[in-house]
Amino acid sequence: MNAFQIFFGEFWPTFVGSSIGLSLAWVAKHDYLPFIGPSTFTELAVFTEDEQKRLLHEASKEASAQWHSFIPALVFLVIFPFGSALAHILPKITTLPDSFWIHVVFGGLFGALGCWLAIRLGVHYVRPFLIRCIERTRHAI
């Protein structure tokens, strides 16, 4: 029972801090959804850089009108604090040393896993909207 208390005691502060940090990054980026960029989509390679940004901004705007656009961010906001909390609890229940490097390694691994999964989900979600925007652009020409 004590392990769960320690785990959740470490999970919630990291979750709240990550939520605030990701929200600030999202507001600062404000062109498109977090974790994705023009280089993420191979469909945009034939367009100029300004056109890539415009198309992705338009697709992200359409995609973020639905609640599904928050799922990639939520996935990251669960996986990263989970790894951080796990790094705090493992030294207490195993023979791993309680060192700074254990926290960095687990936070980095789970942060990277969370980013990768959030990117994959974001691309999967935005791609249909992006294809529609590209088709509209091609029909307008």
N, C-alpha and C. Protein backbone atom coordinates (compact mmCIF):
# COMPACT_ATOMS: atom_id res chain seq x y z
N MET A 1 0.82 -1.19 0.00
CA MET A 1 0.00 0.00 0.00
C MET A 1 0.87 1.25 0.00
N ASN A 2 1.99 1.19 0.71
CA ASN A 2 2.88 2.33 0.79
C ASN A 2 3.47 2.65 -0.59
N ALA A 3 3.71 1.63 -1.40
CA ALA A 3 4.26 1.84 -2.73
C ALA A 3 3.30 2.66 -3.61
N PHE A 4 2.00 2.38 -3.50
CA PHE A 4 1.02 3.15 -4.27
C PHE A 4 0.97 4.60 -3.81
N GLN A 5 1.07 4.82 -2.52
CA GLN A 5 1.08 6.20 -2.01
C GLN A 5 2.30 6.95 -2.52
N ILE A 6 3.45 6.31 -2.50
CA ILE A 6 4.67 6.94 -3.01
C ILE A 6 4.53 7.19 -4.51
N PHE A 7 4.01 6.20 -5.24
CA PHE A 7 3.85 6.34 -6.68
C PHE A 7 2.96 7.52 -7.03
N PHE A 8 1.78 7.57 -6.45
CA PHE A 8 0.86 8.66 -6.77
C PHE A 8 1.32 9.99 -6.21
N GLY A 9 2.06 9.96 -5.10
CA GLY A 9 2.64 11.19 -4.57
C GLY A 9 3.67 11.77 -5.51
N GLU A 10 4.36 10.93 -6.28
CA GLU A 10 5.34 11.39 -7.27
C GLU A 10 4.69 11.65 -8.63
N PHE A 11 3.62 10.93 -8.95
CA PHE A 11 2.97 11.05 -10.26
C PHE A 11 2.28 12.40 -10.42
N TRP A 12 1.46 12.80 -9.45
CA TRP A 12 0.64 14.00 -9.62
C TRP A 12 1.43 15.29 -9.78
N PRO A 13 2.47 15.54 -9.00
CA PRO A 13 3.22 16.79 -9.23
C PRO A 13 3.87 16.84 -10.62
N THR A 14 4.38 15.69 -11.09
CA THR A 14 4.98 15.65 -12.42
C THR A 14 3.91 15.82 -13.49
N PHE A 15 2.75 15.23 -13.28
CA PHE A 15 1.64 15.37 -14.23
C PHE A 15 1.20 16.82 -14.34
N VAL A 16 1.04 17.48 -13.21
CA VAL A 16 0.61 18.88 -13.22
C VAL A 16 1.69 19.76 -13.85
N GLY A 17 2.96 19.55 -13.48
CA GLY A 17 4.05 20.33 -14.06
C GLY A 17 4.17 20.11 -15.56
N SER A 18 4.04 18.88 -16.00
CA SER A 18 4.10 18.57 -17.43
C SER A 18 2.91 19.19 -18.16
N SER A 19 1.75 19.17 -17.55
CA SER A 19 0.57 19.77 -18.16
C SER A 19 0.75 21.27 -18.37
N ILE A 20 1.29 21.93 -17.37
CA ILE A 20 1.54 23.36 -17.49
C ILE A 20 2.59 23.63 -18.56
N GLY A 21 3.68 22.87 -18.54
CA GLY A 21 4.73 23.04 -19.54
C GLY A 21 4.25 22.79 -20.95
N LEU A 22 3.49 21.72 -21.16
CA LEU A 22 2.99 21.40 -22.49
C LEU A 22 1.97 22.44 -22.94
N SER A 23 1.16 22.94 -22.02
CA SER A 23 0.19 23.99 -22.37
C SER A 23 0.90 25.25 -22.82
N LEU A 24 1.95 25.63 -22.12
CA LEU A 24 2.72 26.81 -22.51
C LEU A 24 3.40 26.61 -23.86
N ALA A 25 3.93 25.41 -24.10
CA ALA A 25 4.55 25.12 -25.40
C ALA A 25 3.51 25.15 -26.51
N TRP A 26 2.31 24.65 -26.24
CA TRP A 26 1.25 24.65 -27.23
C TRP A 26 0.83 26.08 -27.58
N VAL A 27 0.72 26.92 -26.54
CA VAL A 27 0.35 28.32 -26.77
C VAL A 27 1.46 29.05 -27.52
N ALA A 28 2.71 28.77 -27.19
CA ALA A 28 3.83 29.43 -27.86
C ALA A 28 3.93 28.99 -29.32
N LYS A 29 3.64 27.73 -29.59
CA LYS A 29 3.74 27.21 -30.96
C LYS A 29 2.55 27.68 -31.78
N HIS A 30 1.38 27.61 -31.27
CA HIS A 30 0.08 28.03 -31.76
C HIS A 30 -0.17 27.91 -33.27
N ASP A 31 0.75 27.44 -34.05
CA ASP A 31 0.48 27.24 -35.47
C ASP A 31 -0.22 25.91 -35.71
N TYR A 32 0.21 24.87 -35.02
CA TYR A 32 -0.38 23.56 -35.18
C TYR A 32 -0.26 22.79 -33.88
N LEU A 33 -0.83 21.60 -33.88
CA LEU A 33 -0.87 20.78 -32.67
C LEU A 33 0.53 20.45 -32.20
N PRO A 34 0.71 20.24 -30.89
CA PRO A 34 2.04 19.90 -30.40
C PRO A 34 2.49 18.54 -30.92
N PHE A 35 3.77 18.34 -30.96
CA PHE A 35 4.43 17.09 -31.35
C PHE A 35 4.49 16.88 -32.86
N ILE A 36 3.86 17.73 -33.67
CA ILE A 36 3.93 17.53 -35.11
C ILE A 36 4.43 18.81 -35.77
N GLY A 37 5.01 18.65 -36.92
CA GLY A 37 5.51 19.78 -37.69
C GLY A 37 5.46 19.45 -39.17
N PRO A 38 5.80 20.41 -40.02
CA PRO A 38 5.75 20.15 -41.46
C PRO A 38 6.64 18.99 -41.90
N SER A 39 7.75 18.79 -41.23
CA SER A 39 8.65 17.71 -41.64
C SER A 39 8.12 16.32 -41.27
N THR A 40 7.07 16.26 -40.49
CA THR A 40 6.49 14.99 -40.07
C THR A 40 5.70 14.33 -41.19
N PHE A 41 5.23 15.11 -42.13
CA PHE A 41 4.35 14.60 -43.18
C PHE A 41 5.09 14.58 -44.52
N THR A 42 5.17 13.42 -45.13
CA THR A 42 5.83 13.31 -46.44
C THR A 42 4.99 13.94 -47.54
N GLU A 43 3.69 14.08 -47.32
CA GLU A 43 2.81 14.67 -48.31
C GLU A 43 3.16 16.13 -48.60
N LEU A 44 3.79 16.78 -47.63
CA LEU A 44 4.09 18.21 -47.76
C LEU A 44 5.41 18.49 -48.46
N ALA A 45 6.16 17.47 -48.81
CA ALA A 45 7.50 17.67 -49.37
C ALA A 45 7.50 18.41 -50.71
N VAL A 46 6.42 18.32 -51.46
CA VAL A 46 6.38 18.96 -52.78
C VAL A 46 6.03 20.45 -52.71
N PHE A 47 5.64 20.93 -51.54
CA PHE A 47 5.24 22.33 -51.39
C PHE A 47 6.39 23.16 -50.84
N THR A 48 6.29 24.47 -51.02
CA THR A 48 7.28 25.38 -50.44
C THR A 48 7.10 25.40 -48.93
N GLU A 49 8.09 25.94 -48.24
CA GLU A 49 8.05 25.95 -46.78
C GLU A 49 6.86 26.75 -46.24
N ASP A 50 6.58 27.89 -46.84
CA ASP A 50 5.44 28.69 -46.40
C ASP A 50 4.12 27.97 -46.66
N GLU A 51 4.03 27.30 -47.79
CA GLU A 51 2.82 26.56 -48.12
C GLU A 51 2.66 25.35 -47.20
N GLN A 52 3.76 24.71 -46.83
CA GLN A 52 3.71 23.60 -45.88
C GLN A 52 3.13 24.06 -44.56
N LYS A 53 3.63 25.19 -44.07
CA LYS A 53 3.14 25.72 -42.79
C LYS A 53 1.67 26.10 -42.88
N ARG A 54 1.28 26.70 -44.00
CA ARG A 54 -0.11 27.11 -44.16
C ARG A 54 -1.04 25.90 -44.19
N LEU A 55 -0.67 24.88 -44.97
CA LEU A 55 -1.49 23.68 -45.06
C LEU A 55 -1.59 22.95 -43.72
N LEU A 56 -0.46 22.84 -43.03
CA LEU A 56 -0.48 22.15 -41.73
C LEU A 56 -1.27 22.95 -40.70
N HIS A 57 -1.15 24.26 -40.75
CA HIS A 57 -1.93 25.11 -39.83
C HIS A 57 -3.43 24.93 -40.09
N GLU A 58 -3.80 24.92 -41.35
CA GLU A 58 -5.21 24.75 -41.72
C GLU A 58 -5.72 23.37 -41.29
N ALA A 59 -4.92 22.33 -41.52
CA ALA A 59 -5.32 20.97 -41.13
C ALA A 59 -5.40 20.84 -39.62
N SER A 60 -4.45 21.43 -38.91
CA SER A 60 -4.47 21.37 -37.44
C SER A 60 -5.66 22.12 -36.88
N LYS A 61 -6.00 23.22 -37.50
CA LYS A 61 -7.15 24.00 -37.06
C LYS A 61 -8.43 23.18 -37.20
N GLU A 62 -8.57 22.50 -38.34
CA GLU A 62 -9.74 21.64 -38.54
C GLU A 62 -9.73 20.46 -37.58
N ALA A 63 -8.56 19.87 -37.37
CA ALA A 63 -8.46 18.69 -36.50
C ALA A 63 -8.71 19.05 -35.04
N SER A 64 -8.25 20.22 -34.62
CA SER A 64 -8.39 20.58 -33.20
C SER A 64 -9.79 21.05 -32.86
N ALA A 65 -10.68 21.14 -33.85
CA ALA A 65 -12.07 21.47 -33.56
C ALA A 65 -12.78 20.29 -32.89
N GLN A 66 -12.17 19.13 -32.92
CA GLN A 66 -12.73 17.95 -32.28
C GLN A 66 -11.89 17.58 -31.07
N TRP A 67 -12.49 16.89 -30.12
CA TRP A 67 -11.80 16.55 -28.87
C TRP A 67 -10.70 15.52 -29.06
N HIS A 68 -10.69 14.80 -30.16
CA HIS A 68 -9.68 13.77 -30.39
C HIS A 68 -8.28 14.36 -30.49
N SER A 69 -8.17 15.64 -30.77
CA SER A 69 -6.86 16.26 -30.93
C SER A 69 -6.09 16.32 -29.61
N PHE A 70 -6.77 16.16 -28.49
CA PHE A 70 -6.10 16.20 -27.19
C PHE A 70 -5.52 14.86 -26.77
N ILE A 71 -5.88 13.80 -27.47
CA ILE A 71 -5.42 12.46 -27.09
C ILE A 71 -3.90 12.32 -27.15
N PRO A 72 -3.20 12.78 -28.22
CA PRO A 72 -1.74 12.66 -28.21
C PRO A 72 -1.08 13.38 -27.02
N ALA A 73 -1.56 14.57 -26.70
CA ALA A 73 -1.00 15.29 -25.56
C ALA A 73 -1.30 14.56 -24.26
N LEU A 74 -2.50 14.02 -24.14
CA LEU A 74 -2.88 13.29 -22.94
C LEU A 74 -2.04 12.02 -22.78
N VAL A 75 -1.75 11.35 -23.88
CA VAL A 75 -0.90 10.15 -23.83
C VAL A 75 0.48 10.52 -23.28
N PHE A 76 1.06 11.60 -23.80
CA PHE A 76 2.36 12.03 -23.28
C PHE A 76 2.26 12.41 -21.81
N LEU A 77 1.18 13.10 -21.44
CA LEU A 77 1.01 13.57 -20.06
C LEU A 77 0.74 12.44 -19.08
N VAL A 78 0.47 11.25 -19.55
CA VAL A 78 0.33 10.10 -18.66
C VAL A 78 1.62 9.28 -18.64
N ILE A 79 2.24 9.09 -19.79
CA ILE A 79 3.42 8.22 -19.87
C ILE A 79 4.64 8.84 -19.20
N PHE A 80 4.90 10.12 -19.44
CA PHE A 80 6.08 10.75 -18.85
C PHE A 80 6.02 10.79 -17.31
N PRO A 81 4.93 11.25 -16.69
CA PRO A 81 4.88 11.20 -15.23
C PRO A 81 4.92 9.78 -14.67
N PHE A 82 4.38 8.81 -15.43
CA PHE A 82 4.46 7.42 -14.99
C PHE A 82 5.91 6.98 -14.86
N GLY A 83 6.73 7.29 -15.87
CA GLY A 83 8.15 6.95 -15.81
C GLY A 83 8.88 7.67 -14.71
N SER A 84 8.54 8.92 -14.49
CA SER A 84 9.17 9.69 -13.42
C SER A 84 8.81 9.12 -12.05
N ALA A 85 7.54 8.79 -11.86
CA ALA A 85 7.12 8.20 -10.59
C ALA A 85 7.72 6.81 -10.40
N LEU A 86 7.84 6.06 -11.48
CA LEU A 86 8.46 4.75 -11.41
C LEU A 86 9.93 4.86 -11.00
N ALA A 87 10.60 5.88 -11.48
CA ALA A 87 12.00 6.10 -11.10
C ALA A 87 12.14 6.42 -9.62
N HIS A 88 11.14 7.03 -9.04
CA HIS A 88 11.19 7.34 -7.60
C HIS A 88 10.86 6.13 -6.74
N ILE A 89 10.00 5.26 -7.24
CA ILE A 89 9.55 4.14 -6.42
C ILE A 89 10.44 2.90 -6.55
N LEU A 90 11.05 2.68 -7.71
CA LEU A 90 11.88 1.48 -7.89
C LEU A 90 13.03 1.37 -6.90
N PRO A 91 13.77 2.43 -6.61
CA PRO A 91 14.84 2.29 -5.61
C PRO A 91 14.32 1.94 -4.21
N LYS A 92 13.08 2.26 -3.94
CA LYS A 92 12.52 1.96 -2.62
C LYS A 92 12.04 0.52 -2.49
N ILE A 93 11.73 -0.13 -3.64
CA ILE A 93 11.22 -1.50 -3.56
C ILE A 93 12.16 -2.53 -4.18
N THR A 94 13.26 -2.07 -4.79
CA THR A 94 14.25 -2.99 -5.37
C THR A 94 15.63 -2.62 -4.86
N THR A 95 16.64 -3.24 -5.45
CA THR A 95 18.02 -2.96 -5.03
C THR A 95 18.68 -1.89 -5.90
N LEU A 96 17.91 -1.24 -6.78
CA LEU A 96 18.47 -0.15 -7.57
C LEU A 96 18.87 1.01 -6.65
N PRO A 97 19.99 1.65 -6.94
CA PRO A 97 20.39 2.78 -6.11
C PRO A 97 19.49 3.99 -6.38
N ASP A 98 19.25 4.77 -5.35
CA ASP A 98 18.45 5.98 -5.50
C ASP A 98 19.38 7.11 -5.93
N SER A 99 19.61 7.21 -7.23
CA SER A 99 20.54 8.21 -7.73
C SER A 99 19.85 9.11 -8.74
N PHE A 100 20.48 10.22 -8.99
CA PHE A 100 20.01 11.19 -9.97
C PHE A 100 19.89 10.55 -11.35
N TRP A 101 20.83 9.68 -11.69
CA TRP A 101 20.85 9.07 -13.01
C TRP A 101 19.71 8.11 -13.26
N ILE A 102 19.26 7.43 -12.23
CA ILE A 102 18.09 6.55 -12.37
C ILE A 102 16.87 7.39 -12.74
N HIS A 103 16.72 8.54 -12.08
CA HIS A 103 15.59 9.43 -12.38
C HIS A 103 15.69 9.99 -13.80
N VAL A 104 16.89 10.37 -14.22
CA VAL A 104 17.10 10.91 -15.57
C VAL A 104 16.83 9.84 -16.63
N VAL A 105 17.35 8.63 -16.42
CA VAL A 105 17.17 7.56 -17.39
C VAL A 105 15.70 7.19 -17.54
N PHE A 106 15.00 6.97 -16.43
CA PHE A 106 13.59 6.60 -16.52
C PHE A 106 12.75 7.74 -17.07
N GLY A 107 13.02 8.96 -16.62
CA GLY A 107 12.29 10.11 -17.16
C GLY A 107 12.54 10.28 -18.65
N GLY A 108 13.80 10.11 -19.07
CA GLY A 108 14.14 10.23 -20.49
C GLY A 108 13.52 9.13 -21.33
N LEU A 109 13.60 7.88 -20.85
CA LEU A 109 13.02 6.76 -21.60
C LEU A 109 11.51 6.90 -21.75
N PHE A 110 10.83 7.18 -20.66
CA PHE A 110 9.39 7.30 -20.74
C PHE A 110 8.97 8.59 -21.43
N GLY A 111 9.76 9.64 -21.31
CA GLY A 111 9.49 10.87 -22.06
C GLY A 111 9.63 10.64 -23.56
N ALA A 112 10.68 9.93 -23.96
CA ALA A 112 10.89 9.62 -25.37
C ALA A 112 9.77 8.71 -25.89
N LEU A 113 9.39 7.71 -25.10
CA LEU A 113 8.29 6.83 -25.49
C LEU A 113 7.00 7.62 -25.63
N GLY A 114 6.73 8.50 -24.68
CA GLY A 114 5.53 9.33 -24.74
C GLY A 114 5.53 10.26 -25.95
N CYS A 115 6.68 10.87 -26.25
CA CYS A 115 6.79 11.74 -27.43
C CYS A 115 6.58 10.94 -28.71
N TRP A 116 7.22 9.80 -28.81
CA TRP A 116 7.08 8.97 -30.02
C TRP A 116 5.62 8.58 -30.23
N LEU A 117 4.98 8.12 -29.17
CA LEU A 117 3.58 7.70 -29.29
C LEU A 117 2.67 8.89 -29.60
N ALA A 118 2.94 10.04 -28.99
CA ALA A 118 2.14 11.23 -29.26
C ALA A 118 2.32 11.69 -30.70
N ILE A 119 3.53 11.61 -31.22
CA ILE A 119 3.77 11.98 -32.63
C ILE A 119 3.01 11.04 -33.55
N ARG A 120 3.11 9.74 -33.29
CA ARG A 120 2.41 8.77 -34.14
C ARG A 120 0.90 8.99 -34.11
N LEU A 121 0.35 9.21 -32.92
CA LEU A 121 -1.09 9.45 -32.81
C LEU A 121 -1.49 10.76 -33.47
N GLY A 122 -0.69 11.80 -33.28
CA GLY A 122 -0.97 13.10 -33.89
C GLY A 122 -0.95 13.03 -35.41
N VAL A 123 0.04 12.35 -35.95
CA VAL A 123 0.13 12.20 -37.41
C VAL A 123 -1.06 11.40 -37.92
N HIS A 124 -1.38 10.32 -37.23
CA HIS A 124 -2.51 9.49 -37.63
C HIS A 124 -3.81 10.28 -37.61
N TYR A 125 -3.95 11.18 -36.66
CA TYR A 125 -5.18 11.94 -36.53
C TYR A 125 -5.26 13.10 -37.51
N VAL A 126 -4.15 13.80 -37.75
CA VAL A 126 -4.15 15.00 -38.59
C VAL A 126 -4.06 14.67 -40.07
N ARG A 127 -3.47 13.54 -40.43
CA ARG A 127 -3.24 13.21 -41.84
C ARG A 127 -4.51 13.30 -42.71
N PRO A 128 -5.67 12.75 -42.30
CA PRO A 128 -6.86 12.89 -43.16
C PRO A 128 -7.26 14.36 -43.41
N PHE A 129 -7.12 15.19 -42.38
CA PHE A 129 -7.44 16.60 -42.54
C PHE A 129 -6.44 17.27 -43.48
N LEU A 130 -5.18 16.89 -43.37
CA LEU A 130 -4.14 17.45 -44.23
C LEU A 130 -4.36 17.04 -45.69
N ILE A 131 -4.73 15.80 -45.92
CA ILE A 131 -4.99 15.34 -47.28
C ILE A 131 -6.16 16.11 -47.89
N ARG A 132 -7.19 16.37 -47.08
CA ARG A 132 -8.31 17.16 -47.57
C ARG A 132 -7.89 18.58 -47.92
N CYS A 133 -7.04 19.18 -47.09
CA CYS A 133 -6.54 20.54 -47.36
C CYS A 133 -5.69 20.56 -48.64
N ILE A 134 -4.87 19.54 -48.83
CA ILE A 134 -4.05 19.47 -50.06
C ILE A 134 -4.95 19.31 -51.28
N GLU A 135 -5.96 18.48 -51.18
CA GLU A 135 -6.90 18.29 -52.31
C GLU A 135 -7.63 19.59 -52.62
N ARG A 136 -8.06 20.32 -51.60
CA ARG A 136 -8.73 21.60 -51.85
C ARG A 136 -7.80 22.58 -52.54
N THR A 137 -6.52 22.58 -52.13
CA THR A 137 -5.54 23.47 -52.75
C THR A 137 -5.32 23.10 -54.21
N ARG A 138 -5.24 21.82 -54.50
CA ARG A 138 -5.04 21.37 -55.87
C ARG A 138 -6.26 21.65 -56.76
N HIS A 139 -7.45 21.55 -56.18
CA HIS A 139 -8.66 21.84 -56.97
C HIS A 139 -8.84 23.33 -57.20
N ALA A 140 -8.30 24.14 -56.29
CA ALA A 140 -8.42 25.59 -56.43
C ALA A 140 -7.51 26.12 -57.55
N ILE A 141 -6.48 25.36 -57.85
CA ILE A 141 -5.52 25.82 -58.87
C ILE A 141 -6.05 25.63 -60.24
